[in-house]
Amino acid sequence: MKQSQAEAQFFIIPGGTQGRLYPPGPGGAFSIAVVTMDGVYPEKGWSINDVCTETMYVQAGKLTVEIEAETFALKEGDVLSILPRNKYRVRGKATTIDVITPAWDKKQNQIIKASR
């Protein structure tokens, strides 16, 4: 199964994130996104995926990823998986290739306010 860049959906997320989300793989088993970031995601609060696992491969640059109470410093060549139901946020300037399993569905993602 080949997919071209022309088939990918371009997206912009406030806070400095943009990318291309490719159509789901066979049977909706996965999606792939190429993401460029220069800022923070989400812009405020935390992101939570109810169903999907996001695995990020850092192609270039550096990121700091907070998952619950842990913080991970990522650089080129590093891989990090964010499991479902874990609140997270990402900061930095990098390009990543994200594999999302099962295929991405925006309805299963939520942004929650930061707790004080």
PDB file of N, CA and C in Angstrom:
ATOM      1  N   MET A   1       0.850  -1.178   0.000  1.00  0.00           N
ATOM      2  CA  MET A   1       0.000   0.000   0.000  1.00  0.00           C
ATOM      3  C   MET A   1       0.890   1.234   0.000  1.00  0.00           C
ATOM      4  N   LYS A   2       0.811   2.018  -1.038  1.00  0.00           N
ATOM      5  CA  LYS A   2       1.583   3.252  -1.141  1.00  0.00           C
ATOM      6  C   LYS A   2       0.668   4.440  -0.894  1.00  0.00           C
ATOM      7  N   GLN A   3       1.211   5.426  -0.173  1.00  0.00           N
ATOM      8  CA  GLN A   3       0.475   6.677   0.029  1.00  0.00           C
ATOM      9  C   GLN A   3       1.389   7.829  -0.336  1.00  0.00           C
ATOM     10  N   SER A   4       0.866   8.778  -1.073  1.00  0.00           N
ATOM     11  CA  SER A   4       1.663   9.937  -1.455  1.00  0.00           C
ATOM     12  C   SER A   4       1.360  11.105  -0.516  1.00  0.00           C
ATOM     13  N   GLN A   5       2.258  12.077  -0.513  1.00  0.00           N
ATOM     14  CA  GLN A   5       2.069  13.259   0.319  1.00  0.00           C
ATOM     15  C   GLN A   5       0.776  13.982  -0.067  1.00  0.00           C
ATOM     16  N   ALA A   6       0.402  13.913  -1.341  1.00  0.00           N
ATOM     17  CA  ALA A   6      -0.823  14.564  -1.799  1.00  0.00           C
ATOM     18  C   ALA A   6      -2.075  13.982  -1.131  1.00  0.00           C
ATOM     19  N   GLU A   7      -1.979  12.741  -0.662  1.00  0.00           N
ATOM     20  CA  GLU A   7      -3.119  12.101   0.013  1.00  0.00           C
ATOM     21  C   GLU A   7      -3.212  12.490   1.489  1.00  0.00           C
ATOM     22  N   ALA A   8      -2.146  13.053   2.029  1.00  0.00           N
ATOM     23  CA  ALA A   8      -2.102  13.396   3.450  1.00  0.00           C
ATOM     24  C   ALA A   8      -2.859  14.691   3.719  1.00  0.00           C
ATOM     25  N   GLN A   9      -3.512  14.732   4.883  1.00  0.00           N
ATOM     26  CA  GLN A   9      -4.275  15.914   5.288  1.00  0.00           C
ATOM     27  C   GLN A   9      -3.361  16.857   6.077  1.00  0.00           C
ATOM     28  N   PHE A  10      -3.195  18.086   5.603  1.00  0.00           N
ATOM     29  CA  PHE A  10      -2.389  19.085   6.289  1.00  0.00           C
ATOM     30  C   PHE A  10      -3.162  19.598   7.497  1.00  0.00           C
ATOM     31  N   PHE A  11      -2.467  19.809   8.617  1.00  0.00           N
ATOM     32  CA  PHE A  11      -3.123  20.363   9.803  1.00  0.00           C
ATOM     33  C   PHE A  11      -2.215  21.383  10.485  1.00  0.00           C
ATOM     34  N   ILE A  12      -2.845  22.306  11.197  1.00  0.00           N
ATOM     35  CA  ILE A  12      -2.161  23.292  12.029  1.00  0.00           C
ATOM     36  C   ILE A  12      -2.846  23.273  13.386  1.00  0.00           C
ATOM     37  N   ILE A  13      -2.033  23.205  14.452  1.00  0.00           N
ATOM     38  CA  ILE A  13      -2.549  23.224  15.821  1.00  0.00           C
ATOM     39  C   ILE A  13      -1.950  24.446  16.507  1.00  0.00           C
ATOM     40  N   PRO A  14      -2.784  25.289  17.138  1.00  0.00           N
ATOM     41  CA  PRO A  14      -2.250  26.462  17.838  1.00  0.00           C
ATOM     42  C   PRO A  14      -1.145  26.080  18.823  1.00  0.00           C
ATOM     43  N   GLY A  15      -0.143  26.930  18.917  1.00  0.00           N
ATOM     44  CA  GLY A  15       0.977  26.672  19.808  1.00  0.00           C
ATOM     45  C   GLY A  15       2.253  26.317  19.066  1.00  0.00           C
ATOM     46  N   GLY A  16       2.176  26.223  17.725  1.00  0.00           N
ATOM     47  CA  GLY A  16       3.382  25.981  16.947  1.00  0.00           C
ATOM     48  C   GLY A  16       3.527  24.596  16.352  1.00  0.00           C
ATOM     49  N   THR A  17       2.423  23.875  16.180  1.00  0.00           N
ATOM     50  CA  THR A  17       2.483  22.515  15.638  1.00  0.00           C
ATOM     51  C   THR A  17       1.757  22.464  14.300  1.00  0.00           C
ATOM     52  N   GLN A  18       2.374  21.807  13.329  1.00  0.00           N
ATOM     53  CA  GLN A  18       1.710  21.562  12.055  1.00  0.00           C
ATOM     54  C   GLN A  18       2.232  20.253  11.477  1.00  0.00           C
ATOM     55  N   GLY A  19       1.503  19.746  10.514  1.00  0.00           N
ATOM     56  CA  GLY A  19       1.968  18.500   9.922  1.00  0.00           C
ATOM     57  C   GLY A  19       1.042  17.965   8.871  1.00  0.00           C
ATOM     58  N   ARG A  20       1.287  16.710   8.533  1.00  0.00           N
ATOM     59  CA  ARG A  20       0.473  15.993   7.559  1.00  0.00           C
ATOM     60  C   ARG A  20       0.100  14.629   8.138  1.00  0.00           C
ATOM     61  N   LEU A  21      -1.191  14.346   8.122  1.00  0.00           N
ATOM     62  CA  LEU A  21      -1.706  13.067   8.591  1.00  0.00           C
ATOM     63  C   LEU A  21      -2.080  12.240   7.370  1.00  0.00           C
ATOM     64  N   TYR A  22      -1.419  11.097   7.228  1.00  0.00           N
ATOM     65  CA  TYR A  22      -1.673  10.212   6.096  1.00  0.00           C
ATOM     66  C   TYR A  22      -2.919   9.371   6.355  1.00  0.00           C
ATOM     67  N   PRO A  23      -3.579   8.897   5.297  1.00  0.00           N
ATOM     68  CA  PRO A  23      -4.762   8.063   5.479  1.00  0.00           C
ATOM     69  C   PRO A  23      -4.428   6.816   6.313  1.00  0.00           C
ATOM     70  N   PRO A  24      -5.424   6.286   7.013  1.00  0.00           N
ATOM     71  CA  PRO A  24      -5.193   5.094   7.843  1.00  0.00           C
ATOM     72  C   PRO A  24      -4.660   3.917   7.035  1.00  0.00           C
ATOM     73  N   GLY A  25      -3.868   3.086   7.719  1.00  0.00           N
ATOM     74  CA  GLY A  25      -3.360   1.856   7.127  1.00  0.00           C
ATOM     75  C   GLY A  25      -4.463   0.822   7.014  1.00  0.00           C
ATOM     76  N   PRO A  26      -4.151  -0.346   6.473  1.00  0.00           N
ATOM     77  CA  PRO A  26      -5.142  -1.403   6.263  1.00  0.00           C
ATOM     78  C   PRO A  26      -5.953  -1.701   7.529  1.00  0.00           C
ATOM     79  N   GLY A  27      -7.257  -1.701   7.373  1.00  0.00           N
ATOM     80  CA  GLY A  27      -8.145  -2.027   8.478  1.00  0.00           C
ATOM     81  C   GLY A  27      -8.148  -1.001   9.596  1.00  0.00           C
ATOM     82  N   GLY A  28      -7.560   0.173   9.364  1.00  0.00           N
ATOM     83  CA  GLY A  28      -7.522   1.200  10.408  1.00  0.00           C
ATOM     84  C   GLY A  28      -6.578   0.867  11.544  1.00  0.00           C
ATOM     85  N   ALA A  29      -5.619  -0.023  11.276  1.00  0.00           N
ATOM     86  CA  ALA A  29      -4.702  -0.472  12.320  1.00  0.00           C
ATOM     87  C   ALA A  29      -3.757   0.630  12.792  1.00  0.00           C
ATOM     88  N   PHE A  30      -3.438   1.590  11.914  1.00  0.00           N
ATOM     89  CA  PHE A  30      -2.504   2.655  12.293  1.00  0.00           C
ATOM     90  C   PHE A  30      -2.676   3.857  11.385  1.00  0.00           C
ATOM     91  N   SER A  31      -2.137   4.979  11.832  1.00  0.00           N
ATOM     92  CA  SER A  31      -1.977   6.179  11.013  1.00  0.00           C
ATOM     93  C   SER A  31      -0.548   6.644  11.193  1.00  0.00           C
ATOM     94  N   ILE A  32      -0.060   7.398  10.214  1.00  0.00           N
ATOM     95  CA  ILE A  32       1.261   8.008  10.308  1.00  0.00           C
ATOM     96  C   ILE A  32       1.102   9.500  10.061  1.00  0.00           C
ATOM     97  N   ALA A  33       1.763  10.288  10.920  1.00  0.00           N
ATOM     98  CA  ALA A  33       1.784  11.739  10.750  1.00  0.00           C
ATOM     99  C   ALA A  33       3.232  12.209  10.756  1.00  0.00           C
ATOM    100  N   VAL A  34       3.527  13.173   9.902  1.00  0.00           N
ATOM    101  CA  VAL A  34       4.815  13.846   9.936  1.00  0.00           C
ATOM    102  C   VAL A  34       4.530  15.213  10.550  1.00  0.00           C
ATOM    103  N   VAL A  35       5.165  15.491  11.688  1.00  0.00           N
ATOM    104  CA  VAL A  35       4.828  16.667  12.496  1.00  0.00           C
ATOM    105  C   VAL A  35       6.047  17.564  12.643  1.00  0.00           C
ATOM    106  N   THR A  36       5.828  18.866  12.437  1.00  0.00           N
ATOM    107  CA  THR A  36       6.857  19.868  12.680  1.00  0.00           C
ATOM    108  C   THR A  36       6.364  20.742  13.820  1.00  0.00           C
ATOM    109  N   MET A  37       7.222  20.908  14.812  1.00  0.00           N
ATOM    110  CA  MET A  37       6.823  21.646  16.006  1.00  0.00           C
ATOM    111  C   MET A  37       7.864  22.685  16.363  1.00  0.00           C
ATOM    112  N   ASP A  38       7.395  23.864  16.740  1.00  0.00           N
ATOM    113  CA  ASP A  38       8.244  24.917  17.279  1.00  0.00           C
ATOM    114  C   ASP A  38       7.397  25.653  18.294  1.00  0.00           C
ATOM    115  N   GLY A  39       7.280  25.052  19.478  1.00  0.00           N
ATOM    116  CA  GLY A  39       6.412  25.620  20.496  1.00  0.00           C
ATOM    117  C   GLY A  39       5.986  24.578  21.503  1.00  0.00           C
ATOM    118  N   VAL A  40       4.668  24.566  21.788  1.00  0.00           N
ATOM    119  CA  VAL A  40       4.133  23.667  22.795  1.00  0.00           C
ATOM    120  C   VAL A  40       2.805  23.076  22.320  1.00  0.00           C
ATOM    121  N   TYR A  41       2.576  21.803  22.631  1.00  0.00           N
ATOM    122  CA  TYR A  41       1.296  21.134  22.375  1.00  0.00           C
ATOM    123  C   TYR A  41       0.905  20.363  23.621  1.00  0.00           C
ATOM    124  N   PRO A  42      -0.323  20.543  24.091  1.00  0.00           N
ATOM    125  CA  PRO A  42      -1.269  21.545  23.649  1.00  0.00           C
ATOM    126  C   PRO A  42      -0.862  22.933  24.138  1.00  0.00           C
ATOM    127  N   GLU A  43      -1.440  23.941  23.533  1.00  0.00           N
ATOM    128  CA  GLU A  43      -1.072  25.313  23.865  1.00  0.00           C
ATOM    129  C   GLU A  43      -1.307  25.601  25.343  1.00  0.00           C
ATOM    130  N   LYS A  44      -2.385  25.029  25.890  1.00  0.00           N
ATOM    131  CA  LYS A  44      -2.685  25.149  27.324  1.00  0.00           C
ATOM    132  C   LYS A  44      -3.199  23.806  27.816  1.00  0.00           C
ATOM    133  N   GLY A  45      -2.787  23.423  29.009  1.00  0.00           N
ATOM    134  CA  GLY A  45      -3.282  22.190  29.606  1.00  0.00           C
ATOM    135  C   GLY A  45      -2.552  20.948  29.149  1.00  0.00           C
ATOM    136  N   TRP A  46      -3.310  19.847  29.059  1.00  0.00           N
ATOM    137  CA  TRP A  46      -2.773  18.522  28.746  1.00  0.00           C
ATOM    138  C   TRP A  46      -3.605  17.870  27.659  1.00  0.00           C
ATOM    139  N   SER A  47      -3.002  16.989  26.894  1.00  0.00           N
ATOM    140  CA  SER A  47      -3.703  16.187  25.902  1.00  0.00           C
ATOM    141  C   SER A  47      -3.841  14.768  26.439  1.00  0.00           C
ATOM    142  N   ILE A  48      -4.950  14.131  26.130  1.00  0.00           N
ATOM    143  CA  ILE A  48      -5.173  12.730  26.513  1.00  0.00           C
ATOM    144  C   ILE A  48      -5.803  12.007  25.329  1.00  0.00           C
ATOM    145  N   ASN A  49      -5.233  10.870  24.959  1.00  0.00           N
ATOM    146  CA  ASN A  49      -5.842   9.983  23.969  1.00  0.00           C
ATOM    147  C   ASN A  49      -6.550   8.871  24.716  1.00  0.00           C
ATOM    148  N   ASP A  50      -7.831   8.720  24.456  1.00  0.00           N
ATOM    149  CA  ASP A  50      -8.612   7.685  25.139  1.00  0.00           C
ATOM    150  C   ASP A  50      -8.279   6.284  24.637  1.00  0.00           C
ATOM    151  N   VAL A  51      -7.923   6.162  23.353  1.00  0.00           N
ATOM    152  CA  VAL A  51      -7.748   4.861  22.711  1.00  0.00           C
ATOM    153  C   VAL A  51      -6.364   4.679  22.097  1.00  0.00           C
ATOM    154  N   CYS A  52      -5.857   5.707  21.447  1.00  0.00           N
ATOM    155  CA  CYS A  52      -4.637   5.583  20.633  1.00  0.00           C
ATOM    156  C   CYS A  52      -3.347   5.627  21.442  1.00  0.00           C
ATOM    157  N   THR A  53      -2.372   4.853  20.979  1.00  0.00           N
ATOM    158  CA  THR A  53      -0.985   4.974  21.420  1.00  0.00           C
ATOM    159  C   THR A  53      -0.269   5.779  20.349  1.00  0.00           C
ATOM    160  N   GLU A  54       0.462   6.827  20.767  1.00  0.00           N
ATOM    161  CA  GLU A  54       1.265   7.621  19.832  1.00  0.00           C
ATOM    162  C   GLU A  54       2.729   7.293  20.057  1.00  0.00           C
ATOM    163  N   THR A  55       3.397   6.845  19.018  1.00  0.00           N
ATOM    164  CA  THR A  55       4.827   6.571  19.092  1.00  0.00           C
ATOM    165  C   THR A  55       5.525   7.583  18.200  1.00  0.00           C
ATOM    166  N   MET A  56       6.392   8.398  18.828  1.00  0.00           N
ATOM    167  CA  MET A  56       7.087   9.479  18.125  1.00  0.00           C
ATOM    168  C   MET A  56       8.533   9.098  17.881  1.00  0.00           C
ATOM    169  N   TYR A  57       8.960   9.242  16.634  1.00  0.00           N
ATOM    170  CA  TYR A  57      10.363   9.112  16.267  1.00  0.00           C
ATOM    171  C   TYR A  57      10.860  10.512  15.927  1.00  0.00           C
ATOM    172  N   VAL A  58      11.882  10.990  16.640  1.00  0.00           N
ATOM    173  CA  VAL A  58      12.407  12.335  16.404  1.00  0.00           C
ATOM    174  C   VAL A  58      13.366  12.273  15.218  1.00  0.00           C
ATOM    175  N   GLN A  59      12.941  12.872  14.130  1.00  0.00           N
ATOM    176  CA  GLN A  59      13.732  12.879  12.901  1.00  0.00           C
ATOM    177  C   GLN A  59      14.804  13.973  12.956  1.00  0.00           C
ATOM    178  N   ALA A  60      14.473  15.122  13.567  1.00  0.00           N
ATOM    179  CA  ALA A  60      15.414  16.234  13.704  1.00  0.00           C
ATOM    180  C   ALA A  60      14.951  17.111  14.856  1.00  0.00           C
ATOM    181  N   GLY A  61      15.907  17.707  15.580  1.00  0.00           N
ATOM    182  CA  GLY A  61      15.570  18.639  16.642  1.00  0.00           C
ATOM    183  C   GLY A  61      15.535  18.001  18.013  1.00  0.00           C
ATOM    184  N   LYS A  62      14.915  18.743  18.956  1.00  0.00           N
ATOM    185  CA  LYS A  62      14.832  18.293  20.353  1.00  0.00           C
ATOM    186  C   LYS A  62      13.455  18.618  20.917  1.00  0.00           C
ATOM    187  N   LEU A  63      12.972  17.724  21.771  1.00  0.00           N
ATOM    188  CA  LEU A  63      11.676  17.891  22.433  1.00  0.00           C
ATOM    189  C   LEU A  63      11.784  17.531  23.902  1.00  0.00           C
ATOM    190  N   THR A  64      10.906  18.120  24.686  1.00  0.00           N
ATOM    191  CA  THR A  64      10.684  17.689  26.058  1.00  0.00           C
ATOM    192  C   THR A  64       9.238  17.222  26.125  1.00  0.00           C
ATOM    193  N   VAL A  65       9.030  15.993  26.567  1.00  0.00           N
ATOM    194  CA  VAL A  65       7.689  15.431  26.646  1.00  0.00           C
ATOM    195  C   VAL A  65       7.397  15.113  28.105  1.00  0.00           C
ATOM    196  N   GLU A  66       6.317  15.700  28.615  1.00  0.00           N
ATOM    197  CA  GLU A  66       5.855  15.397  29.966  1.00  0.00           C
ATOM    198  C   GLU A  66       4.701  14.415  29.843  1.00  0.00           C
ATOM    199  N   ILE A  67       4.832  13.273  30.503  1.00  0.00           N
ATOM    200  CA  ILE A  67       3.757  12.280  30.552  1.00  0.00           C
ATOM    201  C   ILE A  67       3.477  12.054  32.026  1.00  0.00           C
ATOM    202  N   GLU A  68       2.255  12.467  32.435  1.00  0.00           N
ATOM    203  CA  GLU A  68       1.912  12.396  33.860  1.00  0.00           C
ATOM    204  C   GLU A  68       2.996  13.102  34.663  1.00  0.00           C
ATOM    205  N   ALA A  69       3.697  12.419  35.547  1.00  0.00           N
ATOM    206  CA  ALA A  69       4.704  13.041  36.416  1.00  0.00           C
ATOM    207  C   ALA A  69       6.130  12.858  35.900  1.00  0.00           C
ATOM    208  N   GLU A  70       6.303  12.236  34.724  1.00  0.00           N
ATOM    209  CA  GLU A  70       7.654  12.005  34.180  1.00  0.00           C
ATOM    210  C   GLU A  70       7.948  12.976  33.045  1.00  0.00           C
ATOM    211  N   THR A  71       9.217  13.361  32.921  1.00  0.00           N
ATOM    212  CA  THR A  71       9.656  14.235  31.834  1.00  0.00           C
ATOM    213  C   THR A  71      10.760  13.530  31.063  1.00  0.00           C
ATOM    214  N   PHE A  72      10.627  13.557  29.727  1.00  0.00           N
ATOM    215  CA  PHE A  72      11.589  12.893  28.852  1.00  0.00           C
ATOM    216  C   PHE A  72      12.201  13.911  27.900  1.00  0.00           C
ATOM    217  N   ALA A  73      13.527  13.955  27.823  1.00  0.00           N
ATOM    218  CA  ALA A  73      14.241  14.796  26.862  1.00  0.00           C
ATOM    219  C   ALA A  73      14.548  13.938  25.648  1.00  0.00           C
ATOM    220  N   LEU A  74      14.069  14.361  24.491  1.00  0.00           N
ATOM    221  CA  LEU A  74      14.247  13.591  23.263  1.00  0.00           C
ATOM    222  C   LEU A  74      15.092  14.381  22.274  1.00  0.00           C
ATOM    223  N   LYS A  75      15.933  13.662  21.547  1.00  0.00           N
ATOM    224  CA  LYS A  75      16.757  14.261  20.499  1.00  0.00           C
ATOM    225  C   LYS A  75      16.661  13.376  19.262  1.00  0.00           C
ATOM    226  N   GLU A  76      17.297  13.822  18.194  1.00  0.00           N
ATOM    227  CA  GLU A  76      17.268  13.096  16.935  1.00  0.00           C
ATOM    228  C   GLU A  76      17.586  11.613  17.142  1.00  0.00           C
ATOM    229  N   GLY A  77      16.727  10.763  16.584  1.00  0.00           N
ATOM    230  CA  GLY A  77      16.925   9.319  16.667  1.00  0.00           C
ATOM    231  C   GLY A  77      16.204   8.655  17.825  1.00  0.00           C
ATOM    232  N   ASP A  78      15.676   9.442  18.785  1.00  0.00           N
ATOM    233  CA  ASP A  78      14.965   8.866  19.930  1.00  0.00           C
ATOM    234  C   ASP A  78      13.525   8.523  19.559  1.00  0.00           C
ATOM    235  N   VAL A  79      12.973   7.550  20.284  1.00  0.00           N
ATOM    236  CA  VAL A  79      11.586   7.115  20.112  1.00  0.00           C
ATOM    237  C   VAL A  79      10.912   7.118  21.472  1.00  0.00           C
ATOM    238  N   LEU A  80       9.670   7.590  21.511  1.00  0.00           N
ATOM    239  CA  LEU A  80       8.888   7.596  22.752  1.00  0.00           C
ATOM    240  C   LEU A  80       7.454   7.225  22.429  1.00  0.00           C
ATOM    241  N   SER A  81       6.873   6.329  23.229  1.00  0.00           N
ATOM    242  CA  SER A  81       5.462   5.962  23.072  1.00  0.00           C
ATOM    243  C   SER A  81       4.647   6.563  24.205  1.00  0.00           C
ATOM    244  N   ILE A  82       3.519   7.143  23.834  1.00  0.00           N
ATOM    245  CA  ILE A  82       2.569   7.700  24.800  1.00  0.00           C
ATOM    246  C   ILE A  82       1.355   6.782  24.782  1.00  0.00           C
ATOM    247  N   LEU A  83       1.125   6.122  25.900  1.00  0.00           N
ATOM    248  CA  LEU A  83       0.049   5.139  25.987  1.00  0.00           C
ATOM    249  C   LEU A  83      -1.305   5.816  26.204  1.00  0.00           C
ATOM    250  N   PRO A  84      -2.394   5.129  25.833  1.00  0.00           N
ATOM    251  CA  PRO A  84      -3.730   5.689  26.031  1.00  0.00           C
ATOM    252  C   PRO A  84      -3.981   6.056  27.502  1.00  0.00           C
ATOM    253  N   ARG A  85      -4.790   7.086  27.675  1.00  0.00           N
ATOM    254  CA  ARG A  85      -5.264   7.559  28.978  1.00  0.00           C
ATOM    255  C   ARG A  85      -4.172   8.200  29.836  1.00  0.00           C
ATOM    256  N   ASN A  86      -3.000   8.490  29.251  1.00  0.00           N
ATOM    257  CA  ASN A  86      -1.949   9.232  29.953  1.00  0.00           C
ATOM    258  C   ASN A  86      -2.004  10.683  29.500  1.00  0.00           C
ATOM    259  N   LYS A  87      -2.061  11.616  30.452  1.00  0.00           N
ATOM    260  CA  LYS A  87      -2.050  13.020  30.047  1.00  0.00           C
ATOM    261  C   LYS A  87      -0.613  13.407  29.710  1.00  0.00           C
ATOM    262  N   TYR A  88      -0.481  14.230  28.659  1.00  0.00           N
ATOM    263  CA  TYR A  88       0.862  14.587  28.196  1.00  0.00           C
ATOM    264  C   TYR A  88       0.870  15.973  27.562  1.00  0.00           C
ATOM    265  N   ARG A  89       2.082  16.538  27.465  1.00  0.00           N
ATOM    266  CA  ARG A  89       2.324  17.761  26.703  1.00  0.00           C
ATOM    267  C   ARG A  89       3.737  17.708  26.148  1.00  0.00           C
ATOM    268  N   VAL A  90       3.931  18.408  25.030  1.00  0.00           N
ATOM    269  CA  VAL A  90       5.189  18.363  24.291  1.00  0.00           C
ATOM    270  C   VAL A  90       5.665  19.792  24.050  1.00  0.00           C
ATOM    271  N   ARG A  91       6.977  20.018  24.266  1.00  0.00           N
ATOM    272  CA  ARG A  91       7.579  21.336  24.017  1.00  0.00           C
ATOM    273  C   ARG A  91       8.859  21.147  23.221  1.00  0.00           C
ATOM    274  N   GLY A  92       9.163  22.109  22.351  1.00  0.00           N
ATOM    275  CA  GLY A  92      10.439  22.076  21.663  1.00  0.00           C
ATOM    276  C   GLY A  92      10.336  22.446  20.215  1.00  0.00           C
ATOM    277  N   LYS A  93      11.429  22.190  19.513  1.00  0.00           N
ATOM    278  CA  LYS A  93      11.521  22.456  18.079  1.00  0.00           C
ATOM    279  C   LYS A  93      12.068  21.197  17.429  1.00  0.00           C
ATOM    280  N   ALA A  94      11.221  20.523  16.655  1.00  0.00           N
ATOM    281  CA  ALA A  94      11.620  19.240  16.087  1.00  0.00           C
ATOM    282  C   ALA A  94      10.680  18.836  14.959  1.00  0.00           C
ATOM    283  N   THR A  95      11.128  17.856  14.198  1.00  0.00           N
ATOM    284  CA  THR A  95      10.283  17.157  13.238  1.00  0.00           C
ATOM    285  C   THR A  95      10.202  15.710  13.695  1.00  0.00           C
ATOM    286  N   THR A  96       8.983  15.187  13.791  1.00  0.00           N
ATOM    287  CA  THR A  96       8.794  13.807  14.228  1.00  0.00           C
ATOM    288  C   THR A  96       7.965  13.040  13.195  1.00  0.00           C
ATOM    289  N   ILE A  97       8.146  11.741  13.222  1.00  0.00           N
ATOM    290  CA  ILE A  97       7.265  10.835  12.500  1.00  0.00           C
ATOM    291  C   ILE A  97       6.498  10.089  13.585  1.00  0.00           C
ATOM    292  N   ASP A  98       5.178  10.262  13.587  1.00  0.00           N
ATOM    293  CA  ASP A  98       4.332   9.680  14.625  1.00  0.00           C
ATOM    294  C   ASP A  98       3.531   8.528  14.045  1.00  0.00           C
ATOM    295  N   VAL A  99       3.628   7.384  14.696  1.00  0.00           N
ATOM    296  CA  VAL A  99       2.818   6.224  14.338  1.00  0.00           C
ATOM    297  C   VAL A  99       1.735   6.122  15.406  1.00  0.00           C
ATOM    298  N   ILE A 100       0.484   6.140  14.965  1.00  0.00           N
ATOM    299  CA  ILE A 100      -0.649   6.166  15.881  1.00  0.00           C
ATOM    300  C   ILE A 100      -1.435   4.880  15.696  1.00  0.00           C
ATOM    301  N   THR A 101      -1.596   4.139  16.801  1.00  0.00           N
ATOM    302  CA  THR A 101      -2.310   2.865  16.746  1.00  0.00           C
ATOM    303  C   THR A 101      -3.422   2.831  17.791  1.00  0.00           C
ATOM    304  N   PRO A 102      -4.646   2.446  17.418  1.00  0.00           N
ATOM    305  CA  PRO A 102      -5.135   2.291  16.055  1.00  0.00           C
ATOM    306  C   PRO A 102      -5.149   3.653  15.354  1.00  0.00           C
ATOM    307  N   ALA A 103      -5.645   3.684  14.123  1.00  0.00           N
ATOM    308  CA  ALA A 103      -5.627   4.903  13.315  1.00  0.00           C
ATOM    309  C   ALA A 103      -6.226   6.078  14.070  1.00  0.00           C
ATOM    310  N   TRP A 104      -5.650   7.251  13.837  1.00  0.00           N
ATOM    311  CA  TRP A 104      -6.055   8.488  14.513  1.00  0.00           C
ATOM    312  C   TRP A 104      -7.524   8.806  14.267  1.00  0.00           C
ATOM    313  N   ASP A 105      -8.204   9.169  15.344  1.00  0.00           N
ATOM    314  CA  ASP A 105      -9.575   9.659  15.291  1.00  0.00           C
ATOM    315  C   ASP A 105      -9.654  10.794  16.298  1.00  0.00           C
ATOM    316  N   LYS A 106      -9.842  11.998  15.813  1.00  0.00           N
ATOM    317  CA  LYS A 106      -9.849  13.185  16.681  1.00  0.00           C
ATOM    318  C   LYS A 106     -10.869  13.058  17.811  1.00  0.00           C
ATOM    319  N   LYS A 107     -11.940  12.313  17.604  1.00  0.00           N
ATOM    320  CA  LYS A 107     -12.980  12.167  18.627  1.00  0.00           C
ATOM    321  C   LYS A 107     -12.466  11.491  19.892  1.00  0.00           C
ATOM    322  N   GLN A 108     -11.364  10.735  19.790  1.00  0.00           N
ATOM    323  CA  GLN A 108     -10.855  10.020  20.962  1.00  0.00           C
ATOM    324  C   GLN A 108      -9.811  10.828  21.726  1.00  0.00           C
ATOM    325  N   ASN A 109      -9.534  12.063  21.270  1.00  0.00           N
ATOM    326  CA  ASN A 109      -8.540  12.925  21.923  1.00  0.00           C
ATOM    327  C   ASN A 109      -9.247  14.068  22.641  1.00  0.00           C
ATOM    328  N   GLN A 110      -8.734  14.416  23.805  1.00  0.00           N
ATOM    329  CA  GLN A 110      -9.297  15.549  24.534  1.00  0.00           C
ATOM    330  C   GLN A 110      -8.173  16.401  25.118  1.00  0.00           C
ATOM    331  N   ILE A 111      -8.431  17.680  25.250  1.00  0.00           N
ATOM    332  CA  ILE A 111      -7.520  18.608  25.892  1.00  0.00           C
ATOM    333  C   ILE A 111      -8.148  18.980  27.231  1.00  0.00           C
ATOM    334  N   ILE A 112      -7.378  18.814  28.302  1.00  0.00           N
ATOM    335  CA  ILE A 112      -7.898  19.164  29.626  1.00  0.00           C
ATOM    336  C   ILE A 112      -7.101  20.330  30.182  1.00  0.00           C
ATOM    337  N   LYS A 113      -7.748  21.109  31.006  1.00  0.00           N
ATOM    338  CA  LYS A 113      -7.091  22.252  31.619  1.00  0.00           C
ATOM    339  C   LYS A 113      -6.006  21.783  32.590  1.00  0.00           C
ATOM    340  N   ALA A 114      -4.982  22.608  32.728  1.00  0.00           N
ATOM    341  CA  ALA A 114      -3.912  22.322  33.671  1.00  0.00           C
ATOM    342  C   ALA A 114      -4.475  22.364  35.082  1.00  0.00           C
ATOM    343  N   SER A 115      -4.086  21.394  35.901  1.00  0.00           N
ATOM    344  CA  SER A 115      -4.516  21.406  37.305  1.00  0.00           C
ATOM    345  C   SER A 115      -3.522  22.233  38.110  1.00  0.00           C
ATOM    346  N   ARG A 116      -4.020  22.904  39.109  1.00  0.00           N
ATOM    347  CA  ARG A 116      -3.171  23.758  39.924  1.00  0.00           C
ATOM    348  C   ARG A 116      -2.804  23.108  41.215  1.00  0.00           C
TER     349      ARG A 116
END
